[in-house]
Amino acid sequence: MMLHPSYTDLMKVVNSGVEIGEEPVVNSRYSIVLATAKRARQIIGGDQPVIENMSNQKPLSIAVEEVYNSKVTIVGEEEDIEEEPETIEE
C-alpha cells in the first residue's frame, strides 16, 4: 500500500520553516509516525479535525492531511513537555 503523501513529503512540509543550520523538527520516519499517531489519538479523544470534508475518513488519514497541509504543527519534545507535562500514575 502506498501512503500519500509519503513520509518524505510529510517531513519536508514539517521541516520547511527550519532555518539553515537549525535542528529539523523531525529527522526520521519514526518521528513523523509518532507525531501523526499522537494527532490521530487526539482526534479519537474528541478534538475536532481542522480540515473540512474529512468526516468519512479515519483519524490517522485526517492527521496525515492536517500535517501535510500545515494545519497543525509539530513541536519538539522539550517544548511539548513544557506545554503539556505528563504525569505517570502508578
Protein backbone atom coordinates (compact mmCIF):
# COMPACT_ATOMS: atom_id res chain seq x y z
CA MET A 1 0.00 0.00 0.00
CA MET A 2 1.32 3.43 -0.92
CA LEU A 3 0.88 6.17 1.62
CA HIS A 4 0.07 9.54 0.14
CA PRO A 5 1.64 11.81 0.99
CA SER A 6 4.83 9.86 1.58
CA TYR A 7 6.89 10.05 4.75
CA THR A 8 9.49 12.16 2.96
CA ASP A 9 6.82 14.57 1.69
CA LEU A 10 5.47 14.97 5.24
CA MET A 11 8.96 15.53 6.63
CA LYS A 12 9.67 18.21 4.00
CA VAL A 13 6.47 20.07 4.90
CA VAL A 14 7.10 19.89 8.64
CA ASN A 15 10.72 21.00 8.29
CA SER A 16 10.03 23.69 5.67
CA GLY A 17 10.20 26.56 8.16
CA VAL A 18 13.51 25.50 9.68
CA GLU A 19 16.41 27.85 9.02
CA ILE A 20 19.68 26.52 7.62
CA GLY A 21 21.83 25.28 10.48
CA GLU A 22 18.90 24.72 12.84
CA GLU A 23 17.84 21.29 14.03
CA PRO A 24 14.94 19.91 11.93
CA VAL A 25 11.60 19.45 13.70
CA VAL A 26 11.51 15.81 12.60
CA ASN A 27 14.51 13.92 11.31
CA SER A 28 13.22 10.40 10.81
CA ARG A 29 10.21 8.49 9.59
CA TYR A 30 9.76 7.26 13.15
CA SER A 31 9.33 10.86 14.39
CA ILE A 32 6.71 11.69 11.76
CA VAL A 33 4.81 8.46 12.51
CA LEU A 34 4.76 9.27 16.23
CA ALA A 35 3.57 12.81 15.58
CA THR A 36 0.73 11.79 13.26
CA ALA A 37 -0.28 8.95 15.60
CA LYS A 38 -0.43 11.41 18.50
CA ARG A 39 -2.68 13.72 16.47
CA ALA A 40 -4.89 10.77 15.48
CA ARG A 41 -5.29 9.87 19.17
CA GLN A 42 -6.29 13.48 19.89
CA ILE A 43 -8.97 13.25 17.20
CA ILE A 44 -10.19 9.92 18.59
CA GLY A 45 -10.29 11.57 22.02
CA GLY A 46 -12.66 14.27 20.80
CA ASP A 47 -10.52 17.01 19.21
CA GLN A 48 -12.17 18.41 16.11
CA PRO A 49 -10.36 17.99 12.78
CA VAL A 50 -9.14 21.28 11.33
CA ILE A 51 -9.66 20.17 7.73
CA GLU A 52 -13.10 20.35 6.16
CA ASN A 53 -14.88 17.40 4.50
CA MET A 54 -12.91 14.73 6.33
CA SER A 55 -15.85 13.24 8.25
CA ASN A 56 -15.76 9.94 6.37
CA GLN A 57 -12.00 9.48 6.87
CA LYS A 58 -10.20 7.53 9.57
CA PRO A 59 -8.45 9.54 12.31
CA LEU A 60 -4.96 8.70 11.02
CA SER A 61 -5.86 9.85 7.50
CA ILE A 62 -7.18 13.10 8.93
CA ALA A 63 -4.00 13.58 10.98
CA VAL A 64 -1.77 12.99 7.94
CA GLU A 65 -3.75 15.51 5.88
CA GLU A 66 -3.60 18.06 8.69
CA VAL A 67 0.18 17.74 8.93
CA TYR A 68 0.66 17.77 5.17
CA ASN A 69 -1.47 20.91 4.77
CA SER A 70 0.28 22.66 7.70
CA LYS A 71 -2.97 22.88 9.65
CA VAL A 72 -1.27 21.53 12.78
CA THR A 73 2.31 21.99 13.88
CA ILE A 74 4.70 19.56 15.45
CA VAL A 75 6.77 20.88 18.33
CA GLY A 76 9.96 19.37 19.68
CA GLU A 77 9.97 17.18 22.76
CA GLU A 78 11.33 19.92 25.05
CA GLU A 79 8.57 22.34 24.04
CA ASP A 80 5.92 19.64 24.27
CA ILE A 81 6.94 18.74 27.80
CA GLU A 82 6.78 22.38 28.89
CA GLU A 83 3.32 22.88 27.39
CA GLU A 84 1.81 19.56 28.45
CA PRO A 85 3.61 17.99 31.39
CA GLU A 86 2.81 14.32 31.55
CA THR A 87 2.23 12.60 34.85
CA ILE A 88 2.75 8.92 35.34
CA GLU A 89 0.39 7.30 37.78
CA GLU A 90 1.42 4.08 39.42
